Amino acid sequence: MFKNCIVRKPCKALVEGITSGTYPGKPDYELACRQHEHYIECLKQCGVQVEVLPALEAYPDSVFVEDPAVVTRSCAIITNPGAASRNGEKNEILPAIRKFYPEEKIHFITGEGHLDGGDVMMVGDHFYVGLSARTNAEGLRQFAEILAKYGMTCSEVPLAEVLHLKTGVNYIENNNMLVSGEFVEKPDFEKFHKILIPEGEEYAANCIWMNGSVIVPEGYPGVEKLVKEAGYQVILCDTSEFRKLDGGLSCMSLRF
C-alpha cells in the first residue's frame, strides 16, 4: 500500500518540453495546470498524502517527477537522468526525498551511468528496467548494485520502439500487467496475466495502481473497460496536455 506521493506543479516553460511529436500540438499551460490539480485529487482519493513541490521554470519537463528519482520500500535512488536538459532535476528533487528517507538510505547513480525512473517498473521486490535512450547499461549496473544491498533484484528489458519502459507496459498488482506494442510477446512478462491494450489506445497502457484502484487516462474506453473487468475500481484522469510531451499518469508522481 502507498502512503505518500510527491508531485511537482507544471511550469510555464512546459510548452517547450521535450517531445517526440507522436501526439502533436503544444500544451495549453492553463489547462495543464487544471489537469494537474485534478490528478492530485485522484491520488488523494486513493488515501495518500500528496507533497506538492513548486514549479521549476528552469526545467520545462520537471512536472515529470518520476524520472529523477526511484523510490522503494527500503531506499530512494537519485537517477542521473539521461536527457541533458533534464539532468539538473536530480538536484531539485533531493530536498523532497530527504523529507521521507534518511541520508544513509538515499543513493545516487553517478558518472557515466544514466537512469530514468520512467524506465523502472516495480513488481514487488523485483524491478524491470528498460534500456533506452535515457537509461544505459552502466546506470542499470549501479541500480542493481544498490538494490542488492536491500535484498531486491532487477532485470533489463531492451526497448526498440518506445521512449520509456512504462510507456508500453505497467504492472497493476494481483499478477495483472497492461501490455502494448513490443511488450506483448516479450518473454520477460510471460508469467503475468496480460491485459492487451486495444489498437489505437496505446497511450493508455500507462495507468497507475493506487491502493486497490487504478487511475486510467480519460478518453480510452477500451482500456477503462478492460481494467474494470479485471476487478478494479477505475478513476479517470484527463492528461491530454501532458500527452503532447509523451508524458503519462505514472510520469507525474513518485508513489511510495
Protein backbone atom coordinates (compact mmCIF):
# COMPACT_ATOMS: atom_id res chain seq x y z
CA MET A 1 0.00 0.00 0.00
CA PHE A 2 1.19 3.52 -0.78
CA LYS A 3 1.12 6.22 1.88
CA ASN A 4 2.78 9.14 0.13
CA CYS A 5 3.13 10.75 -3.27
CA ILE A 6 5.40 13.54 -4.48
CA VAL A 7 4.28 15.73 -7.39
CA ARG A 8 5.53 18.98 -8.89
CA LYS A 9 3.40 21.74 -10.35
CA PRO A 10 3.78 22.38 -14.09
CA CYS A 11 5.90 25.39 -15.02
CA LYS A 12 5.06 27.90 -17.75
CA ALA A 13 8.07 26.59 -19.71
CA LEU A 14 6.17 23.28 -20.00
CA VAL A 15 5.16 24.34 -23.51
CA GLU A 16 8.84 23.97 -24.54
CA GLY A 17 9.24 20.46 -23.09
CA ILE A 18 10.87 17.57 -24.93
CA THR A 19 8.53 15.82 -27.36
CA SER A 20 8.79 13.10 -29.98
CA GLY A 21 5.85 14.59 -31.84
CA THR A 22 3.87 11.36 -31.52
CA TYR A 23 0.99 13.37 -30.08
CA PRO A 24 1.01 16.71 -31.94
CA GLY A 25 0.34 20.16 -30.54
CA LYS A 26 1.82 22.38 -27.84
CA PRO A 27 0.47 22.01 -24.32
CA ASP A 28 -2.02 24.61 -23.09
CA TYR A 29 -0.40 25.75 -19.84
CA GLU A 30 -3.61 26.82 -18.07
CA LEU A 31 -5.37 23.59 -19.00
CA ALA A 32 -2.30 21.59 -17.93
CA CYS A 33 -2.47 23.26 -14.50
CA ARG A 34 -6.15 22.34 -14.12
CA GLN A 35 -5.47 18.78 -15.19
CA HIS A 36 -2.60 18.55 -12.72
CA GLU A 37 -4.83 19.75 -9.88
CA HIS A 38 -7.35 17.05 -10.79
CA TYR A 39 -4.53 14.50 -10.92
CA ILE A 40 -3.63 15.40 -7.33
CA GLU A 41 -7.28 14.93 -6.31
CA CYS A 42 -7.30 11.50 -7.97
CA LEU A 43 -4.23 10.49 -5.95
CA LYS A 44 -5.83 11.75 -2.73
CA GLN A 45 -8.96 9.69 -3.46
CA CYS A 46 -6.71 6.66 -3.06
CA GLY A 47 -5.84 7.56 0.54
CA VAL A 48 -2.35 9.02 0.20
CA GLN A 49 -0.72 12.22 1.41
CA VAL A 50 0.49 14.32 -1.51
CA GLU A 51 3.58 16.52 -1.24
CA VAL A 52 3.22 19.26 -3.87
CA LEU A 53 6.50 20.83 -4.98
CA PRO A 54 6.70 24.28 -6.60
CA ALA A 55 7.07 24.73 -10.35
CA LEU A 56 10.62 24.93 -11.74
CA GLU A 57 10.85 27.33 -14.68
CA ALA A 58 14.43 26.28 -15.44
CA TYR A 59 13.26 22.76 -16.30
CA PRO A 60 10.34 22.54 -18.77
CA ASP A 61 9.80 18.81 -18.12
CA SER A 62 10.10 18.97 -14.33
CA VAL A 63 6.42 18.13 -13.80
CA PHE A 64 7.50 14.56 -14.64
CA VAL A 65 8.97 13.86 -11.18
CA GLU A 66 9.12 10.11 -11.75
CA ASP A 67 12.29 10.39 -13.82
CA PRO A 68 14.87 11.99 -11.45
CA ALA A 69 14.25 9.52 -8.60
CA VAL A 70 13.16 5.96 -7.89
CA VAL A 71 11.50 5.35 -4.52
CA THR A 72 11.21 1.89 -2.96
CA ARG A 73 10.05 0.46 0.36
CA SER A 74 13.64 0.43 1.58
CA CYS A 75 15.54 3.23 -0.14
CA ALA A 76 15.47 6.06 -2.66
CA ILE A 77 17.73 6.37 -5.69
CA ILE A 78 18.54 9.68 -7.39
CA THR A 79 18.82 8.67 -11.01
CA ASN A 80 21.15 10.95 -13.05
CA PRO A 81 18.59 11.45 -15.88
CA GLY A 82 19.72 10.70 -19.41
CA ALA A 83 18.42 13.85 -21.16
CA ALA A 84 20.91 16.72 -20.79
CA SER A 85 18.17 19.34 -20.41
CA ARG A 86 16.67 17.36 -17.53
CA ASN A 87 19.78 16.20 -15.70
CA GLY A 88 19.68 19.05 -13.17
CA GLU A 89 16.26 17.92 -11.97
CA LYS A 90 18.05 15.33 -9.81
CA ASN A 91 19.33 18.13 -7.55
CA GLU A 92 15.90 19.73 -7.30
CA ILE A 93 14.11 16.55 -6.22
CA LEU A 94 16.62 15.73 -3.47
CA PRO A 95 15.20 18.01 -0.73
CA ALA A 96 11.78 16.39 -1.10
CA ILE A 97 13.29 12.89 -0.95
CA ARG A 98 15.15 13.85 2.24
CA LYS A 99 11.82 14.53 3.95
CA PHE A 100 10.94 10.86 3.68
CA TYR A 101 14.24 8.92 3.64
CA PRO A 102 17.26 9.14 5.97
CA GLU A 103 20.54 10.11 4.32
CA GLU A 104 22.01 6.61 4.54
CA LYS A 105 19.06 5.25 2.51
CA ILE A 106 19.40 7.76 -0.33
CA HIS A 107 21.66 6.54 -3.13
CA PHE A 108 22.88 8.05 -6.39
CA ILE A 109 23.50 6.91 -9.95
CA THR A 110 26.78 8.63 -10.85
CA GLY A 111 29.38 9.22 -13.55
CA GLU A 112 28.56 7.73 -16.93
CA GLY A 113 25.56 5.87 -15.52
CA HIS A 114 22.14 7.20 -16.51
CA LEU A 115 18.70 6.04 -15.45
CA ASP A 116 15.20 7.50 -15.89
CA GLY A 117 12.51 6.50 -13.42
CA GLY A 118 10.12 6.05 -16.34
CA ASP A 119 12.22 3.05 -17.34
CA VAL A 120 11.78 1.37 -13.95
CA MET A 121 8.77 -0.87 -13.21
CA MET A 122 8.39 -2.25 -9.71
CA VAL A 123 6.87 -5.70 -9.25
CA GLY A 124 7.14 -6.46 -5.55
CA ASP A 125 10.85 -6.56 -4.77
CA HIS A 126 11.87 -7.04 -8.40
CA PHE A 127 12.41 -4.16 -10.79
CA TYR A 128 12.23 -4.35 -14.58
CA VAL A 129 14.46 -1.72 -16.15
CA GLY A 130 14.20 -0.60 -19.76
CA LEU A 131 17.43 0.02 -21.63
CA SER A 132 16.52 3.11 -23.63
CA ALA A 133 17.82 6.40 -25.00
CA ARG A 134 17.66 7.67 -21.41
CA THR A 135 18.81 4.62 -19.41
CA ASN A 136 22.12 2.89 -20.15
CA ALA A 137 23.87 -0.31 -19.11
CA GLU A 138 26.07 1.47 -16.56
CA GLY A 139 23.03 3.07 -14.95
CA LEU A 140 21.38 -0.33 -14.76
CA ARG A 141 24.52 -1.88 -13.25
CA GLN A 142 24.67 0.75 -10.49
CA PHE A 143 20.94 0.44 -9.87
CA ALA A 144 21.20 -3.35 -9.46
CA GLU A 145 24.12 -2.92 -7.06
CA ILE A 146 22.11 -0.54 -4.86
CA LEU A 147 19.01 -2.76 -4.85
CA ALA A 148 21.10 -5.80 -3.87
CA LYS A 149 22.04 -4.09 -0.61
CA TYR A 150 18.37 -4.32 0.37
CA GLY A 151 17.67 -7.81 -0.94
CA MET A 152 15.94 -6.56 -4.09
CA THR A 153 16.63 -7.56 -7.69
CA CYS A 154 16.30 -6.18 -11.20
CA SER A 155 16.46 -7.30 -14.81
CA GLU A 156 16.97 -5.46 -18.08
CA VAL A 157 14.38 -5.09 -20.81
CA PRO A 158 15.84 -3.74 -24.08
CA LEU A 159 13.49 -1.25 -25.78
CA ALA A 160 13.06 -0.87 -29.52
CA GLU A 161 10.09 1.40 -30.08
CA VAL A 162 9.08 3.44 -27.01
CA LEU A 163 10.65 6.28 -25.02
CA HIS A 164 10.40 4.63 -21.60
CA LEU A 165 9.56 1.11 -20.42
CA LYS A 166 6.34 2.26 -18.75
CA THR A 167 5.21 3.94 -21.96
CA GLY A 168 4.10 0.48 -23.06
CA VAL A 169 3.87 -1.85 -20.04
CA ASN A 170 2.61 -1.30 -16.50
CA TYR A 171 2.04 -3.62 -13.56
CA ILE A 172 -1.26 -3.08 -11.74
CA GLU A 173 -0.73 -5.67 -8.98
CA ASN A 174 -2.52 -9.03 -8.49
CA ASN A 175 -0.35 -10.53 -11.26
CA ASN A 176 -2.03 -8.25 -13.84
CA MET A 177 0.04 -6.38 -16.39
CA LEU A 178 -1.11 -3.90 -19.03
CA VAL A 179 0.88 -4.56 -22.21
CA SER A 180 1.00 -3.00 -25.65
CA GLY A 181 3.17 -3.00 -28.77
CA GLU A 182 6.61 -4.54 -28.41
CA PHE A 183 5.85 -5.85 -24.93
CA VAL A 184 3.00 -8.20 -25.85
CA GLU A 185 5.37 -11.00 -26.88
CA LYS A 186 8.36 -10.25 -24.64
CA PRO A 187 9.31 -13.39 -22.69
CA ASP A 188 10.14 -11.22 -19.64
CA PHE A 189 6.42 -10.94 -18.88
CA GLU A 190 5.21 -14.47 -19.68
CA LYS A 191 4.32 -15.30 -16.08
CA PHE A 192 1.86 -12.42 -15.74
CA HIS A 193 -1.77 -12.21 -16.73
CA LYS A 194 -1.51 -9.84 -19.67
CA ILE A 195 -4.22 -7.31 -20.36
CA LEU A 196 -3.72 -6.39 -24.01
CA ILE A 197 -4.21 -2.73 -24.83
CA PRO A 198 -6.62 -2.24 -27.77
CA GLU A 199 -5.21 -0.86 -31.00
CA GLY A 200 -5.36 2.92 -31.04
CA GLU A 201 -5.34 3.18 -27.24
CA GLU A 202 -1.61 2.51 -26.72
CA TYR A 203 -1.13 5.71 -24.73
CA ALA A 204 -3.41 4.30 -22.02
CA ALA A 205 -1.02 1.44 -21.29
CA ASN A 206 0.34 3.93 -18.76
CA CYS A 207 -2.13 3.51 -15.90
CA ILE A 208 -1.22 3.54 -12.22
CA TRP A 209 -2.35 1.21 -9.45
CA MET A 210 -3.10 3.14 -6.26
CA ASN A 211 -4.13 1.15 -3.19
CA GLY A 212 -6.63 -1.08 -4.98
CA SER A 213 -7.87 1.46 -7.52
CA VAL A 214 -6.40 2.08 -10.97
CA ILE A 215 -6.11 5.60 -12.37
CA VAL A 216 -6.75 5.45 -16.13
CA PRO A 217 -6.27 8.27 -18.63
CA GLU A 218 -9.59 9.73 -19.76
CA GLY A 219 -10.68 9.09 -23.34
CA TYR A 220 -9.71 5.42 -23.68
CA PRO A 221 -12.94 3.42 -23.20
CA GLY A 222 -11.40 0.12 -24.25
CA VAL A 223 -8.73 0.27 -21.54
CA GLU A 224 -11.24 1.55 -18.97
CA LYS A 225 -13.49 -1.44 -19.70
CA LEU A 226 -10.64 -3.98 -19.50
CA VAL A 227 -9.36 -2.62 -16.18
CA LYS A 228 -12.88 -2.70 -14.70
CA GLU A 229 -13.34 -6.28 -15.96
CA ALA A 230 -10.09 -7.19 -14.16
CA GLY A 231 -11.83 -6.23 -10.91
CA TYR A 232 -10.51 -2.75 -10.18
CA GLN A 233 -12.25 0.48 -9.32
CA VAL A 234 -11.32 2.94 -12.08
CA ILE A 235 -10.59 6.63 -11.56
CA LEU A 236 -10.42 8.64 -14.80
CA CYS A 237 -7.96 11.50 -15.20
CA ASP A 238 -7.52 13.68 -18.29
CA THR A 239 -3.85 14.07 -19.25
CA SER A 240 -4.25 15.48 -22.76
CA GLU A 241 -1.74 18.31 -22.29
CA PHE A 242 0.94 16.06 -20.83
CA ARG A 243 0.42 13.51 -23.59
CA LYS A 244 1.72 16.14 -26.05
CA LEU A 245 5.09 15.79 -24.25
CA ASP A 246 4.91 11.97 -24.25
CA GLY A 247 4.04 12.12 -20.54
CA GLY A 248 1.58 9.80 -18.83
CA LEU A 249 -0.01 9.21 -15.45
CA SER A 250 2.95 7.47 -13.83
CA CYS A 251 5.37 10.18 -15.00
CA MET A 252 3.82 12.84 -12.78
CA SER A 253 4.29 11.30 -9.33
CA LEU A 254 6.57 9.36 -7.07
CA ARG A 255 4.47 6.82 -5.15
CA PHE A 256 5.64 5.06 -2.00
